[in-house]
Amino acid sequence: MSHIFKMYGTCATEVKFKLVDGRMRDVKFKGGCDGNLKAVMRLIEGRPAVEVAEMLGGIRCGRKNTSCPDQLAKAILQAREDEETDQADAKTADG
């Protein structure tokens, strides 16, 4: 399942990724610092999403209160929550 999130307070405006068996896949940023974000994408590909969120959460960019990696961490946590809700709703529907 693909997840797309609008990013706030960063040069990148959007991040798109998949969670496959709890691991990061096909991460793509829209905008931002091209070289730095390509490095982030390569480093996290295939890693457990929870590990990535813990590693990147709280990183700041200069004087900003956030960064592209921090926004990605928030997006990962939201995606996991969304998937858990979807699974719970599916179980309820199956009754």
N, C-alpha and C. Protein backbone atom coordinates (compact mmCIF):
# COMPACT_ATOMS: atom_id res chain seq x y z
N MET A 1 0.84 -1.18 0.00
CA MET A 1 0.00 0.00 0.00
C MET A 1 0.89 1.25 0.00
N SER A 2 0.62 2.17 -0.90
CA SER A 2 1.38 3.42 -0.97
C SER A 2 0.81 4.44 0.01
N HIS A 3 1.71 5.21 0.58
CA HIS A 3 1.33 6.29 1.49
C HIS A 3 1.93 7.57 0.94
N ILE A 4 1.14 8.63 0.90
CA ILE A 4 1.59 9.94 0.43
C ILE A 4 1.27 10.96 1.52
N PHE A 5 2.30 11.73 1.90
CA PHE A 5 2.13 12.72 2.95
C PHE A 5 2.67 14.07 2.53
N LYS A 6 1.91 15.11 2.84
CA LYS A 6 2.36 16.47 2.62
C LYS A 6 3.30 16.81 3.78
N MET A 7 4.43 17.42 3.43
CA MET A 7 5.42 17.77 4.44
C MET A 7 5.30 19.25 4.78
N TYR A 8 5.54 19.60 6.04
CA TYR A 8 5.41 20.97 6.53
C TYR A 8 6.73 21.47 7.09
N GLY A 9 7.07 22.72 6.75
CA GLY A 9 8.26 23.36 7.31
C GLY A 9 9.55 22.87 6.70
N THR A 10 9.48 22.25 5.52
CA THR A 10 10.67 21.71 4.87
C THR A 10 10.71 22.14 3.40
N CYS A 11 11.87 21.98 2.79
CA CYS A 11 12.00 22.28 1.36
C CYS A 11 11.24 21.25 0.52
N ALA A 12 11.29 19.99 0.92
CA ALA A 12 10.50 18.96 0.25
C ALA A 12 9.03 19.20 0.59
N THR A 13 8.16 18.98 -0.37
CA THR A 13 6.74 19.24 -0.16
C THR A 13 5.92 17.98 0.07
N GLU A 14 6.49 16.82 -0.27
CA GLU A 14 5.73 15.57 -0.19
C GLU A 14 6.69 14.39 -0.11
N VAL A 15 6.23 13.35 0.57
CA VAL A 15 6.97 12.10 0.58
C VAL A 15 5.98 10.97 0.29
N LYS A 16 6.43 10.02 -0.51
CA LYS A 16 5.61 8.87 -0.89
C LYS A 16 6.45 7.62 -0.59
N PHE A 17 5.81 6.60 -0.03
CA PHE A 17 6.52 5.36 0.28
C PHE A 17 5.52 4.22 0.47
N LYS A 18 6.06 3.03 0.52
CA LYS A 18 5.27 1.84 0.80
C LYS A 18 5.82 1.19 2.06
N LEU A 19 4.93 0.57 2.81
CA LEU A 19 5.32 -0.29 3.92
C LEU A 19 4.98 -1.71 3.49
N VAL A 20 5.99 -2.53 3.36
CA VAL A 20 5.81 -3.92 2.94
C VAL A 20 6.36 -4.80 4.06
N ASP A 21 5.47 -5.52 4.71
CA ASP A 21 5.86 -6.35 5.86
C ASP A 21 6.63 -5.53 6.89
N GLY A 22 6.17 -4.28 7.10
CA GLY A 22 6.77 -3.42 8.11
C GLY A 22 8.09 -2.77 7.71
N ARG A 23 8.45 -2.91 6.44
CA ARG A 23 9.73 -2.36 5.96
C ARG A 23 9.49 -1.26 4.93
N MET A 24 10.44 -0.35 4.87
CA MET A 24 10.37 0.79 3.95
C MET A 24 10.67 0.35 2.53
N ARG A 25 9.83 0.78 1.59
CA ARG A 25 10.03 0.47 0.17
C ARG A 25 9.66 1.69 -0.68
N ASP A 26 10.38 1.88 -1.76
CA ASP A 26 10.05 2.88 -2.79
C ASP A 26 9.83 4.28 -2.24
N VAL A 27 10.74 4.75 -1.39
CA VAL A 27 10.62 6.10 -0.82
C VAL A 27 10.99 7.13 -1.88
N LYS A 28 10.14 8.15 -2.02
CA LYS A 28 10.40 9.22 -2.98
C LYS A 28 9.96 10.54 -2.38
N PHE A 29 10.82 11.54 -2.48
CA PHE A 29 10.50 12.87 -2.01
C PHE A 29 10.20 13.77 -3.20
N LYS A 30 9.35 14.74 -3.00
CA LYS A 30 9.08 15.76 -4.02
C LYS A 30 9.72 17.05 -3.52
N GLY A 31 10.70 17.55 -4.27
CA GLY A 31 11.43 18.74 -3.85
C GLY A 31 12.51 18.39 -2.85
N GLY A 32 13.05 19.40 -2.21
CA GLY A 32 14.07 19.20 -1.19
C GLY A 32 15.47 19.13 -1.76
N CYS A 33 16.42 18.84 -0.92
CA CYS A 33 17.84 18.76 -1.28
C CYS A 33 18.10 17.41 -1.95
N ASP A 34 18.22 17.42 -3.25
CA ASP A 34 18.26 16.20 -4.06
C ASP A 34 19.28 15.18 -3.56
N GLY A 35 20.52 15.58 -3.41
CA GLY A 35 21.56 14.63 -3.00
C GLY A 35 21.33 14.07 -1.62
N ASN A 36 20.98 14.93 -0.67
CA ASN A 36 20.76 14.47 0.69
C ASN A 36 19.58 13.50 0.76
N LEU A 37 18.52 13.82 0.05
CA LEU A 37 17.35 12.94 0.12
C LEU A 37 17.57 11.64 -0.63
N LYS A 38 18.38 11.65 -1.69
CA LYS A 38 18.73 10.39 -2.35
C LYS A 38 19.51 9.50 -1.39
N ALA A 39 20.38 10.10 -0.60
CA ALA A 39 21.14 9.33 0.39
C ALA A 39 20.20 8.73 1.44
N VAL A 40 19.28 9.54 1.94
CA VAL A 40 18.31 9.04 2.92
C VAL A 40 17.53 7.86 2.33
N MET A 41 17.07 8.02 1.09
CA MET A 41 16.27 6.97 0.45
C MET A 41 17.07 5.66 0.35
N ARG A 42 18.32 5.75 -0.05
CA ARG A 42 19.14 4.53 -0.17
C ARG A 42 19.40 3.89 1.18
N LEU A 43 19.65 4.72 2.18
CA LEU A 43 19.99 4.20 3.50
C LEU A 43 18.82 3.51 4.20
N ILE A 44 17.60 3.94 3.90
CA ILE A 44 16.46 3.36 4.61
C ILE A 44 15.72 2.29 3.83
N GLU A 45 16.01 2.14 2.55
CA GLU A 45 15.31 1.14 1.73
C GLU A 45 15.45 -0.25 2.35
N GLY A 46 14.32 -0.89 2.62
CA GLY A 46 14.30 -2.24 3.16
C GLY A 46 14.44 -2.33 4.66
N ARG A 47 14.69 -1.22 5.32
CA ARG A 47 14.84 -1.24 6.78
C ARG A 47 13.47 -1.26 7.46
N PRO A 48 13.41 -1.77 8.68
CA PRO A 48 12.14 -1.74 9.41
C PRO A 48 11.66 -0.30 9.62
N ALA A 49 10.40 -0.05 9.33
CA ALA A 49 9.83 1.29 9.42
C ALA A 49 9.97 1.88 10.82
N VAL A 50 9.73 1.08 11.83
CA VAL A 50 9.82 1.58 13.21
C VAL A 50 11.25 2.04 13.50
N GLU A 51 12.22 1.28 13.06
CA GLU A 51 13.63 1.64 13.26
C GLU A 51 13.95 2.97 12.55
N VAL A 52 13.46 3.12 11.34
CA VAL A 52 13.70 4.35 10.58
C VAL A 52 13.07 5.55 11.29
N ALA A 53 11.83 5.40 11.76
CA ALA A 53 11.14 6.49 12.45
C ALA A 53 11.90 6.89 13.72
N GLU A 54 12.37 5.91 14.46
CA GLU A 54 13.13 6.20 15.69
C GLU A 54 14.45 6.89 15.37
N MET A 55 15.10 6.48 14.31
CA MET A 55 16.39 7.01 13.92
C MET A 55 16.28 8.45 13.42
N LEU A 56 15.24 8.77 12.65
CA LEU A 56 15.13 10.06 11.98
C LEU A 56 14.29 11.09 12.74
N GLY A 57 13.44 10.64 13.63
CA GLY A 57 12.57 11.56 14.36
C GLY A 57 13.37 12.56 15.18
N GLY A 58 12.95 13.81 15.14
CA GLY A 58 13.58 14.84 15.96
C GLY A 58 14.75 15.56 15.31
N ILE A 59 15.17 15.13 14.12
CA ILE A 59 16.26 15.81 13.43
C ILE A 59 15.78 17.17 12.97
N ARG A 60 16.59 18.18 13.20
CA ARG A 60 16.24 19.54 12.80
C ARG A 60 17.13 19.97 11.64
N CYS A 61 16.63 20.90 10.84
CA CYS A 61 17.38 21.46 9.73
C CYS A 61 17.64 22.93 10.04
N GLY A 62 18.89 23.25 10.35
CA GLY A 62 19.23 24.62 10.70
C GLY A 62 18.42 25.09 11.88
N ARG A 63 17.77 26.23 11.74
CA ARG A 63 16.97 26.80 12.82
C ARG A 63 15.51 26.35 12.78
N LYS A 64 15.18 25.52 11.81
CA LYS A 64 13.81 25.02 11.70
C LYS A 64 13.56 24.01 12.82
N ASN A 65 12.30 23.86 13.18
CA ASN A 65 11.93 22.90 14.21
C ASN A 65 11.77 21.48 13.67
N THR A 66 11.98 21.31 12.39
CA THR A 66 11.80 20.01 11.75
C THR A 66 12.79 19.88 10.60
N SER A 67 12.69 18.79 9.87
CA SER A 67 13.54 18.52 8.70
C SER A 67 12.83 17.51 7.83
N CYS A 68 13.36 17.27 6.65
CA CYS A 68 12.77 16.23 5.79
C CYS A 68 12.79 14.87 6.48
N PRO A 69 13.92 14.46 7.10
CA PRO A 69 13.91 13.18 7.80
C PRO A 69 12.90 13.14 8.96
N ASP A 70 12.78 14.23 9.70
CA ASP A 70 11.81 14.29 10.80
C ASP A 70 10.39 14.17 10.27
N GLN A 71 10.09 14.85 9.17
CA GLN A 71 8.77 14.76 8.57
C GLN A 71 8.50 13.34 8.07
N LEU A 72 9.52 12.68 7.52
CA LEU A 72 9.37 11.29 7.10
C LEU A 72 9.05 10.41 8.30
N ALA A 73 9.74 10.63 9.41
CA ALA A 73 9.47 9.84 10.62
C ALA A 73 8.01 9.99 11.04
N LYS A 74 7.51 11.22 11.01
CA LYS A 74 6.10 11.46 11.37
C LYS A 74 5.17 10.76 10.37
N ALA A 75 5.52 10.80 9.10
CA ALA A 75 4.71 10.15 8.07
C ALA A 75 4.67 8.63 8.28
N ILE A 76 5.81 8.05 8.64
CA ILE A 76 5.87 6.61 8.90
C ILE A 76 4.94 6.24 10.05
N LEU A 77 5.01 6.98 11.14
CA LEU A 77 4.16 6.68 12.29
C LEU A 77 2.68 6.82 11.92
N GLN A 78 2.34 7.83 11.12
CA GLN A 78 0.96 8.01 10.68
C GLN A 78 0.53 6.85 9.77
N ALA A 79 1.41 6.44 8.88
CA ALA A 79 1.09 5.33 7.96
C ALA A 79 0.86 4.04 8.74
N ARG A 80 1.68 3.78 9.73
CA ARG A 80 1.50 2.57 10.55
C ARG A 80 0.16 2.62 11.28
N GLU A 81 -0.17 3.79 11.81
CA GLU A 81 -1.45 3.95 12.49
C GLU A 81 -2.62 3.75 11.53
N ASP A 82 -2.50 4.33 10.33
CA ASP A 82 -3.55 4.17 9.32
C ASP A 82 -3.73 2.70 8.95
N GLU A 83 -2.63 1.98 8.77
CA GLU A 83 -2.70 0.57 8.40
C GLU A 83 -3.33 -0.26 9.52
N GLU A 84 -2.99 0.05 10.76
CA GLU A 84 -3.57 -0.67 11.90
C GLU A 84 -5.08 -0.42 11.97
N THR A 85 -5.49 0.82 11.72
CA THR A 85 -6.92 1.16 11.72
C THR A 85 -7.63 0.41 10.60
N ASP A 86 -7.02 0.39 9.41
CA ASP A 86 -7.61 -0.33 8.28
C ASP A 86 -7.77 -1.81 8.59
N GLN A 87 -6.77 -2.40 9.23
CA GLN A 87 -6.83 -3.83 9.58
C GLN A 87 -7.92 -4.08 10.61
N ALA A 88 -8.05 -3.19 11.59
CA ALA A 88 -9.08 -3.35 12.61
C ALA A 88 -10.47 -3.21 11.99
N ASP A 89 -10.60 -2.24 11.07
CA ASP A 89 -11.90 -2.06 10.38
C ASP A 89 -12.24 -3.28 9.54
N ALA A 90 -11.25 -3.88 8.91
CA ALA A 90 -11.48 -5.06 8.08
C ALA A 90 -11.94 -6.24 8.96
N LYS A 91 -11.33 -6.38 10.13
CA LYS A 91 -11.74 -7.47 11.04
C LYS A 91 -13.16 -7.26 11.53
N THR A 92 -13.52 -6.01 11.82
CA THR A 92 -14.87 -5.69 12.27
C THR A 92 -15.89 -5.98 11.17
N ALA A 93 -15.53 -5.64 9.94
CA ALA A 93 -16.43 -5.88 8.80
C ALA A 93 -16.63 -7.37 8.55
N ASP A 94 -15.56 -8.15 8.81
CA ASP A 94 -15.66 -9.59 8.62
C ASP A 94 -16.52 -10.24 9.70
N GLY A 95 -16.62 -9.52 10.83
CA GLY A 95 -17.48 -9.88 11.92
C GLY A 95 -17.25 -11.13 12.59
